[in-house]
Amino acid sequence: MTLRIGVDVDGVLADFRSAFHATAKRVLRRDIEFSTSPQSDGQLGPSEIRRVWEHIAKAQNWWMEVEPYEPEQIARFYGLAREASWEVFFLTRRPASAGDSVQFQTQWWIERFGFYLPAVLTVPGSRGDVANGLRLDLLLDDQLINCVEVVSSTPTKALLMLRGEDDATRNHAKDRGIGVVSTLSEAITIIERLNDVLPQRRGRLLRLADWFTGRSEVQALPQNPRAVRPVPPFKKP
């Protein structure tokens, strides 16, 4: 059985808060206190937040401007996923901007950093429903509420991405059986460890025991499919 992993985009791969902060400064034309907490919007009031989102909605392909936290780790994740035959689903609830669809912008953005042909799902609803529908084994998310929802209503395990210092959130997550990491590098390393640890477990983890059973050697496809199978040229009628 293949390991199925759900990965949130903003806050895990993409530094959305910095991009939003920079856009807010341009739109509102004033200095704004920067906060790394996903629960805080700094000094912005509701009407100001609405103005920034209205600007983003009209901006061409705004989501392509967001910087990654750890670009080299995205490529590392791809290499490990290919090697272990993991199935990775990138999850986002990004609202639309002008230009291409959110899904396409996000796919293009992820592929820029070395994760080829990413499966991106735009999921505005419940993460629990998604975890159940996709039969996820693990969710990596920066929102505690999403992690709690998943571990409370599904068999899916959860890792919380907590990039800032927040002992209360960290302790609450651990009390609920949710793992806590502070970088994508750390999260990937934990996923690698699960590769070795879980087959030895029993009881509640029994259903995960066949994740990493030995596989006969197969003929692998190229690491970079774009290099050997470029997109065909489009000819206008």
C-alpha atoms as a PDB file:
ATOM      1  CA  MET A   1       0.000   0.000   0.000  1.00  0.00           C
ATOM      2  CA  THR A   2       1.337   3.420  -0.988  1.00  0.00           C
ATOM      3  CA  LEU A   3       1.750   6.134   1.635  1.00  0.00           C
ATOM      4  CA  ARG A   4      -0.732   8.935   0.927  1.00  0.00           C
ATOM      5  CA  ILE A   5       0.256  12.369   2.211  1.00  0.00           C
ATOM      6  CA  GLY A   6      -1.738  15.607   2.233  1.00  0.00           C
ATOM      7  CA  VAL A   7       0.361  18.791   2.357  1.00  0.00           C
ATOM      8  CA  ASP A   8      -1.056  22.268   2.905  1.00  0.00           C
ATOM      9  CA  VAL A   9       0.603  24.902   0.705  1.00  0.00           C
ATOM     10  CA  ASP A  10       0.499  28.269   2.492  1.00  0.00           C
ATOM     11  CA  GLY A  11       2.397  28.210   5.767  1.00  0.00           C
ATOM     12  CA  VAL A  12       4.068  24.902   4.909  1.00  0.00           C
ATOM     13  CA  LEU A  13       5.650  25.432   1.486  1.00  0.00           C
ATOM     14  CA  ALA A  14       4.803  29.062   0.730  1.00  0.00           C
ATOM     15  CA  ASP A  15       5.436  32.149   2.885  1.00  0.00           C
ATOM     16  CA  PHE A  16       1.969  33.614   2.384  1.00  0.00           C
ATOM     17  CA  ARG A  17       2.141  35.907   5.415  1.00  0.00           C
ATOM     18  CA  SER A  18       5.172  37.809   4.097  1.00  0.00           C
ATOM     19  CA  ALA A  19       3.561  38.166   0.655  1.00  0.00           C
ATOM     20  CA  PHE A  20       0.289  39.389   2.168  1.00  0.00           C
ATOM     21  CA  HIS A  21       2.174  41.821   4.418  1.00  0.00           C
ATOM     22  CA  ALA A  22       4.116  43.293   1.468  1.00  0.00           C
ATOM     23  CA  THR A  23       0.909  43.651  -0.559  1.00  0.00           C
ATOM     24  CA  ALA A  24      -0.879  45.316   2.369  1.00  0.00           C
ATOM     25  CA  LYS A  25       1.909  47.907   2.672  1.00  0.00           C
ATOM     26  CA  ARG A  26       1.582  48.741  -1.032  1.00  0.00           C
ATOM     27  CA  VAL A  27      -2.210  48.892  -1.004  1.00  0.00           C
ATOM     28  CA  LEU A  28      -2.636  50.780   2.285  1.00  0.00           C
ATOM     29  CA  ARG A  29       0.495  52.932   1.842  1.00  0.00           C
ATOM     30  CA  ARG A  30       1.626  52.759   5.435  1.00  0.00           C
ATOM     31  CA  ASP A  31       3.909  50.732   7.665  1.00  0.00           C
ATOM     32  CA  ILE A  32       2.274  47.643   9.106  1.00  0.00           C
ATOM     33  CA  GLU A  33       3.505  45.511  11.958  1.00  0.00           C
ATOM     34  CA  PHE A  34       4.521  42.082  10.673  1.00  0.00           C
ATOM     35  CA  SER A  35       3.323  38.995  12.528  1.00  0.00           C
ATOM     36  CA  THR A  36       4.430  35.419  11.862  1.00  0.00           C
ATOM     37  CA  SER A  37       1.429  34.004  13.687  1.00  0.00           C
ATOM     38  CA  PRO A  38      -1.260  32.536  11.411  1.00  0.00           C
ATOM     39  CA  GLN A  39      -3.840  33.617  13.996  1.00  0.00           C
ATOM     40  CA  SER A  40      -2.867  37.304  13.814  1.00  0.00           C
ATOM     41  CA  ASP A  41      -3.321  39.984  11.171  1.00  0.00           C
ATOM     42  CA  GLY A  42      -1.142  42.532  12.934  1.00  0.00           C
ATOM     43  CA  GLN A  43      -2.563  46.028  12.887  1.00  0.00           C
ATOM     44  CA  LEU A  44      -5.056  45.493  10.066  1.00  0.00           C
ATOM     45  CA  GLY A  45      -8.735  46.127  10.613  1.00  0.00           C
ATOM     46  CA  PRO A  46     -11.531  44.223   8.826  1.00  0.00           C
ATOM     47  CA  SER A  47     -12.012  46.902   6.157  1.00  0.00           C
ATOM     48  CA  GLU A  48      -8.272  47.041   5.472  1.00  0.00           C
ATOM     49  CA  ILE A  49      -8.038  43.275   5.161  1.00  0.00           C
ATOM     50  CA  ARG A  50     -10.941  43.402   2.729  1.00  0.00           C
ATOM     51  CA  ARG A  51      -9.154  46.046   0.633  1.00  0.00           C
ATOM     52  CA  VAL A  52      -6.014  43.902   0.426  1.00  0.00           C
ATOM     53  CA  TRP A  53      -7.999  40.833  -0.650  1.00  0.00           C
ATOM     54  CA  GLU A  54      -9.841  42.911  -3.259  1.00  0.00           C
ATOM     55  CA  HIS A  55      -6.472  43.981  -4.648  1.00  0.00           C
ATOM     56  CA  ILE A  56      -5.260  40.366  -4.751  1.00  0.00           C
ATOM     57  CA  ALA A  57      -8.444  39.317  -6.554  1.00  0.00           C
ATOM     58  CA  LYS A  58      -7.667  41.832  -9.338  1.00  0.00           C
ATOM     59  CA  ALA A  59      -3.904  41.149  -9.505  1.00  0.00           C
ATOM     60  CA  GLN A  60      -2.651  39.000 -12.370  1.00  0.00           C
ATOM     61  CA  ASN A  61      -1.421  35.626 -11.071  1.00  0.00           C
ATOM     62  CA  TRP A  62      -0.713  37.044  -7.612  1.00  0.00           C
ATOM     63  CA  TRP A  63      -0.047  33.594  -6.140  1.00  0.00           C
ATOM     64  CA  MET A  64       3.035  33.246  -8.326  1.00  0.00           C
ATOM     65  CA  GLU A  65       4.680  36.077  -6.331  1.00  0.00           C
ATOM     66  CA  VAL A  66       4.693  34.214  -3.015  1.00  0.00           C
ATOM     67  CA  GLU A  67       8.175  33.122  -1.909  1.00  0.00           C
ATOM     68  CA  PRO A  68       8.901  29.577  -0.670  1.00  0.00           C
ATOM     69  CA  TYR A  69      10.206  28.963   2.841  1.00  0.00           C
ATOM     70  CA  GLU A  70      12.656  26.204   1.912  1.00  0.00           C
ATOM     71  CA  PRO A  71      12.825  25.740  -1.869  1.00  0.00           C
ATOM     72  CA  GLU A  72      15.508  23.068  -1.736  1.00  0.00           C
ATOM     73  CA  GLN A  73      13.300  20.944   0.528  1.00  0.00           C
ATOM     74  CA  ILE A  74      10.513  20.899  -2.062  1.00  0.00           C
ATOM     75  CA  ALA A  75      12.914  19.237  -4.491  1.00  0.00           C
ATOM     76  CA  ARG A  76      14.082  16.878  -1.727  1.00  0.00           C
ATOM     77  CA  PHE A  77      10.482  15.930  -1.000  1.00  0.00           C
ATOM     78  CA  TYR A  78       9.938  15.129  -4.660  1.00  0.00           C
ATOM     79  CA  GLY A  79      12.986  12.872  -4.796  1.00  0.00           C
ATOM     80  CA  LEU A  80      11.922  10.919  -1.719  1.00  0.00           C
ATOM     81  CA  ALA A  81       8.319  10.641  -2.901  1.00  0.00           C
ATOM     82  CA  ARG A  82       9.489   9.201  -6.204  1.00  0.00           C
ATOM     83  CA  GLU A  83      11.893   6.791  -4.519  1.00  0.00           C
ATOM     84  CA  ALA A  84       9.319   5.482  -2.026  1.00  0.00           C
ATOM     85  CA  SER A  85       6.305   5.741  -4.389  1.00  0.00           C
ATOM     86  CA  TRP A  86       4.417   8.051  -2.045  1.00  0.00           C
ATOM     87  CA  GLU A  87       1.278   9.741  -3.344  1.00  0.00           C
ATOM     88  CA  VAL A  88       1.344  13.428  -2.390  1.00  0.00           C
ATOM     89  CA  PHE A  89      -1.651  15.767  -2.574  1.00  0.00           C
ATOM     90  CA  PHE A  90      -1.091  19.506  -2.157  1.00  0.00           C
ATOM     91  CA  LEU A  91      -4.122  21.134  -0.524  1.00  0.00           C
ATOM     92  CA  THR A  92      -5.093  24.803  -0.623  1.00  0.00           C
ATOM     93  CA  ARG A  93      -8.084  27.038  -0.009  1.00  0.00           C
ATOM     94  CA  ARG A  94      -6.612  30.063  -1.767  1.00  0.00           C
ATOM     95  CA  PRO A  95      -9.180  32.514  -3.136  1.00  0.00           C
ATOM     96  CA  ALA A  96      -9.001  33.363  -6.819  1.00  0.00           C
ATOM     97  CA  SER A  97      -6.847  36.100  -8.292  1.00  0.00           C
ATOM     98  CA  ALA A  98      -6.940  37.433 -11.829  1.00  0.00           C
ATOM     99  CA  GLY A  99      -5.142  35.442 -14.498  1.00  0.00           C
ATOM    100  CA  ASP A 100      -4.910  31.664 -14.377  1.00  0.00           C
ATOM    101  CA  SER A 101      -6.878  29.518 -11.954  1.00  0.00           C
ATOM    102  CA  VAL A 102      -5.602  29.083  -8.398  1.00  0.00           C
ATOM    103  CA  GLN A 103      -4.989  25.414  -9.114  1.00  0.00           C
ATOM    104  CA  PHE A 104      -2.840  26.119 -12.172  1.00  0.00           C
ATOM    105  CA  GLN A 105      -0.877  28.924 -10.491  1.00  0.00           C
ATOM    106  CA  THR A 106      -0.159  26.636  -7.550  1.00  0.00           C
ATOM    107  CA  GLN A 107       0.870  23.723  -9.763  1.00  0.00           C
ATOM    108  CA  TRP A 108       3.222  25.943 -11.736  1.00  0.00           C
ATOM    109  CA  TRP A 109       4.640  27.455  -8.525  1.00  0.00           C
ATOM    110  CA  ILE A 110       5.388  24.059  -6.943  1.00  0.00           C
ATOM    111  CA  GLU A 111       6.946  22.698 -10.117  1.00  0.00           C
ATOM    112  CA  ARG A 112       9.310  25.699 -10.289  1.00  0.00           C
ATOM    113  CA  PHE A 113      11.048  24.327  -7.196  1.00  0.00           C
ATOM    114  CA  GLY A 114      11.500  20.785  -8.429  1.00  0.00           C
ATOM    115  CA  PHE A 115       8.324  18.881  -7.551  1.00  0.00           C
ATOM    116  CA  TYR A 116       7.176  17.852 -11.008  1.00  0.00           C
ATOM    117  CA  LEU A 117       3.541  17.184 -11.984  1.00  0.00           C
ATOM    118  CA  PRO A 118       2.130  18.119  -8.541  1.00  0.00           C
ATOM    119  CA  ALA A 119      -1.405  17.064  -7.659  1.00  0.00           C
ATOM    120  CA  VAL A 120      -3.069  20.261  -6.367  1.00  0.00           C
ATOM    121  CA  LEU A 121      -6.539  20.213  -4.862  1.00  0.00           C
ATOM    122  CA  THR A 122      -8.411  23.430  -4.086  1.00  0.00           C
ATOM    123  CA  VAL A 123     -10.440  22.455  -1.028  1.00  0.00           C
ATOM    124  CA  PRO A 124     -12.384  25.283   0.645  1.00  0.00           C
ATOM    125  CA  GLY A 125     -14.212  22.883   2.959  1.00  0.00           C
ATOM    126  CA  SER A 126     -13.381  20.512   5.770  1.00  0.00           C
ATOM    127  CA  ARG A 127      -9.916  18.954   5.953  1.00  0.00           C
ATOM    128  CA  GLY A 128     -11.521  15.979   7.670  1.00  0.00           C
ATOM    129  CA  ASP A 129     -13.736  15.330   4.665  1.00  0.00           C
ATOM    130  CA  VAL A 130     -10.711  15.590   2.380  1.00  0.00           C
ATOM    131  CA  ALA A 131      -8.645  13.232   4.525  1.00  0.00           C
ATOM    132  CA  ASN A 132     -11.444  10.683   4.488  1.00  0.00           C
ATOM    133  CA  GLY A 133     -12.165  11.076   0.791  1.00  0.00           C
ATOM    134  CA  LEU A 134      -8.522  10.722  -0.220  1.00  0.00           C
ATOM    135  CA  ARG A 135      -7.782   8.053   2.409  1.00  0.00           C
ATOM    136  CA  LEU A 136      -4.835  10.101   3.624  1.00  0.00           C
ATOM    137  CA  ASP A 137      -2.368   8.464   5.977  1.00  0.00           C
ATOM    138  CA  LEU A 138      -0.752  11.748   7.021  1.00  0.00           C
ATOM    139  CA  LEU A 139      -1.643  15.464   6.906  1.00  0.00           C
ATOM    140  CA  LEU A 140       0.969  18.240   7.165  1.00  0.00           C
ATOM    141  CA  ASP A 141      -0.733  21.572   7.931  1.00  0.00           C
ATOM    142  CA  ASP A 142       0.060  24.874   9.658  1.00  0.00           C
ATOM    143  CA  GLN A 143      -3.425  25.276  11.144  1.00  0.00           C
ATOM    144  CA  LEU A 144      -4.016  23.535  14.463  1.00  0.00           C
ATOM    145  CA  ILE A 145      -7.778  23.435  13.886  1.00  0.00           C
ATOM    146  CA  ASN A 146      -7.254  21.431  10.685  1.00  0.00           C
ATOM    147  CA  CYS A 147      -4.975  18.955  12.428  1.00  0.00           C
ATOM    148  CA  VAL A 148      -7.381  18.532  15.351  1.00  0.00           C
ATOM    149  CA  GLU A 149     -10.292  18.009  12.991  1.00  0.00           C
ATOM    150  CA  VAL A 150      -8.417  15.334  11.076  1.00  0.00           C
ATOM    151  CA  VAL A 151      -7.194  13.315  14.066  1.00  0.00           C
ATOM    152  CA  SER A 152     -10.591  13.618  15.770  1.00  0.00           C
ATOM    153  CA  SER A 153     -12.715  12.370  12.882  1.00  0.00           C
ATOM    154  CA  THR A 154     -10.453  10.201  10.721  1.00  0.00           C
ATOM    155  CA  PRO A 155      -7.705   7.575  11.055  1.00  0.00           C
ATOM    156  CA  THR A 156      -5.288  10.072   9.452  1.00  0.00           C
ATOM    157  CA  LYS A 157      -2.226  11.146  11.443  1.00  0.00           C
ATOM    158  CA  ALA A 158      -1.277  14.843  11.551  1.00  0.00           C
ATOM    159  CA  LEU A 159       1.857  16.976  11.690  1.00  0.00           C
ATOM    160  CA  LEU A 160       1.460  20.641  12.670  1.00  0.00           C
ATOM    161  CA  MET A 161       3.852  23.124  11.059  1.00  0.00           C
ATOM    162  CA  LEU A 162       4.577  25.668  13.802  1.00  0.00           C
ATOM    163  CA  ARG A 163       7.219  28.080  12.524  1.00  0.00           C
ATOM    164  CA  GLY A 164       6.965  30.544  15.402  1.00  0.00           C
ATOM    165  CA  GLU A 165       7.379  30.154  19.177  1.00  0.00           C
ATOM    166  CA  ASP A 166       4.012  29.207  20.644  1.00  0.00           C
ATOM    167  CA  ASP A 167       4.300  26.835  23.592  1.00  0.00           C
ATOM    168  CA  ALA A 168       0.554  26.788  24.247  1.00  0.00           C
ATOM    169  CA  THR A 169      -0.238  25.656  20.699  1.00  0.00           C
ATOM    170  CA  ARG A 170       2.642  23.172  20.719  1.00  0.00           C
ATOM    171  CA  ASN A 171       1.477  21.603  23.981  1.00  0.00           C
ATOM    172  CA  HIS A 172      -2.155  21.500  22.874  1.00  0.00           C
ATOM    173  CA  ALA A 173      -1.164  19.739  19.651  1.00  0.00           C
ATOM    174  CA  LYS A 174       0.970  17.174  21.446  1.00  0.00           C
ATOM    175  CA  ASP A 175      -1.818  16.505  23.953  1.00  0.00           C
ATOM    176  CA  ARG A 176      -4.035  15.575  21.006  1.00  0.00           C
ATOM    177  CA  GLY A 177      -1.442  13.207  19.549  1.00  0.00           C
ATOM    178  CA  ILE A 178      -0.409  15.650  16.811  1.00  0.00           C
ATOM    179  CA  GLY A 179       3.262  15.856  15.893  1.00  0.00           C
ATOM    180  CA  VAL A 180       4.831  19.325  15.776  1.00  0.00           C
ATOM    181  CA  VAL A 181       7.598  20.511  13.433  1.00  0.00           C
ATOM    182  CA  SER A 182       9.115  23.929  12.776  1.00  0.00           C
ATOM    183  CA  THR A 183      10.518  23.434   9.250  1.00  0.00           C
ATOM    184  CA  LEU A 184       9.700  21.509   6.108  1.00  0.00           C
ATOM    185  CA  SER A 185      13.081  19.829   6.400  1.00  0.00           C
ATOM    186  CA  GLU A 186      12.134  18.485   9.826  1.00  0.00           C
ATOM    187  CA  ALA A 187       8.746  17.307   8.555  1.00  0.00           C
ATOM    188  CA  ILE A 188      10.300  15.389   5.673  1.00  0.00           C
ATOM    189  CA  THR A 189      12.798  13.766   8.029  1.00  0.00           C
ATOM    190  CA  ILE A 190       9.939  12.594  10.258  1.00  0.00           C
ATOM    191  CA  ILE A 191       8.140  11.143   7.237  1.00  0.00           C
ATOM    192  CA  GLU A 192      11.360   9.304   6.392  1.00  0.00           C
ATOM    193  CA  ARG A 193      11.495   7.910   9.935  1.00  0.00           C
ATOM    194  CA  LEU A 194       7.923   6.692   9.652  1.00  0.00           C
ATOM    195  CA  ASN A 195       9.154   4.679   6.718  1.00  0.00           C
ATOM    196  CA  ASP A 196      11.306   2.659   9.115  1.00  0.00           C
ATOM    197  CA  VAL A 197       9.257   2.755  12.319  1.00  0.00           C
ATOM    198  CA  LEU A 198       5.660   2.061  11.348  1.00  0.00           C
ATOM    199  CA  PRO A 199       6.103  -1.465   9.958  1.00  0.00           C
ATOM    200  CA  GLN A 200       7.197  -2.576  13.439  1.00  0.00           C
ATOM    201  CA  ARG A 201       4.104  -1.193  15.167  1.00  0.00           C
ATOM    202  CA  ARG A 202       0.911  -3.038  16.017  1.00  0.00           C
ATOM    203  CA  GLY A 203      -2.510  -2.242  17.477  1.00  0.00           C
ATOM    204  CA  ARG A 204      -3.954   1.029  16.182  1.00  0.00           C
ATOM    205  CA  LEU A 205      -1.157   1.328  13.626  1.00  0.00           C
ATOM    206  CA  LEU A 206      -1.752  -2.117  12.182  1.00  0.00           C
ATOM    207  CA  ARG A 207      -3.429  -0.747   9.081  1.00  0.00           C
ATOM    208  CA  LEU A 208      -0.213   1.155   8.263  1.00  0.00           C
ATOM    209  CA  ALA A 209       2.002  -1.922   8.403  1.00  0.00           C
ATOM    210  CA  ASP A 210       1.843  -2.546   4.664  1.00  0.00           C
ATOM    211  CA  TRP A 211       2.938   0.993   3.722  1.00  0.00           C
ATOM    212  CA  PHE A 212       6.530   0.019   3.256  1.00  0.00           C
ATOM    213  CA  THR A 213       6.478  -3.669   2.353  1.00  0.00           C
ATOM    214  CA  GLY A 214       9.208  -4.693  -0.023  1.00  0.00           C
ATOM    215  CA  ARG A 215       8.558  -4.094  -3.700  1.00  0.00           C
ATOM    216  CA  SER A 216      10.006  -5.866  -6.675  1.00  0.00           C
ATOM    217  CA  GLU A 217      12.246  -3.618  -8.731  1.00  0.00           C
ATOM    218  CA  VAL A 218      10.399  -1.715 -11.435  1.00  0.00           C
ATOM    219  CA  GLN A 219      11.451   0.417 -14.367  1.00  0.00           C
ATOM    220  CA  ALA A 220      11.195   3.966 -13.021  1.00  0.00           C
ATOM    221  CA  LEU A 221      10.153   6.925 -15.120  1.00  0.00           C
ATOM    222  CA  PRO A 222      12.602   9.872 -15.447  1.00  0.00           C
ATOM    223  CA  GLN A 223      13.119  12.150 -12.440  1.00  0.00           C
ATOM    224  CA  ASN A 224      12.230  15.170 -14.578  1.00  0.00           C
ATOM    225  CA  PRO A 225       9.416  14.149 -16.934  1.00  0.00           C
ATOM    226  CA  ARG A 226       9.532  17.552 -18.623  1.00  0.00           C
ATOM    227  CA  ALA A 227      13.032  16.849 -19.939  1.00  0.00           C
ATOM    228  CA  VAL A 228      12.000  13.783 -21.929  1.00  0.00           C
ATOM    229  CA  ARG A 229       8.327  14.547 -22.506  1.00  0.00           C
ATOM    230  CA  PRO A 230       7.941  18.289 -23.070  1.00  0.00           C
ATOM    231  CA  VAL A 231       4.518  19.756 -23.600  1.00  0.00           C
ATOM    232  CA  PRO A 232       3.643  19.472 -27.308  1.00  0.00           C
ATOM    233  CA  PRO A 233       3.613  22.774 -29.229  1.00  0.00           C
ATOM    234  CA  PHE A 234       0.187  24.277 -29.632  1.00  0.00           C
ATOM    235  CA  LYS A 235      -0.761  25.264 -33.151  1.00  0.00           C
ATOM    236  CA  LYS A 236      -3.494  27.822 -33.602  1.00  0.00           C
ATOM    237  CA  PRO A 237      -6.219  26.824 -36.068  1.00  0.00           C
END
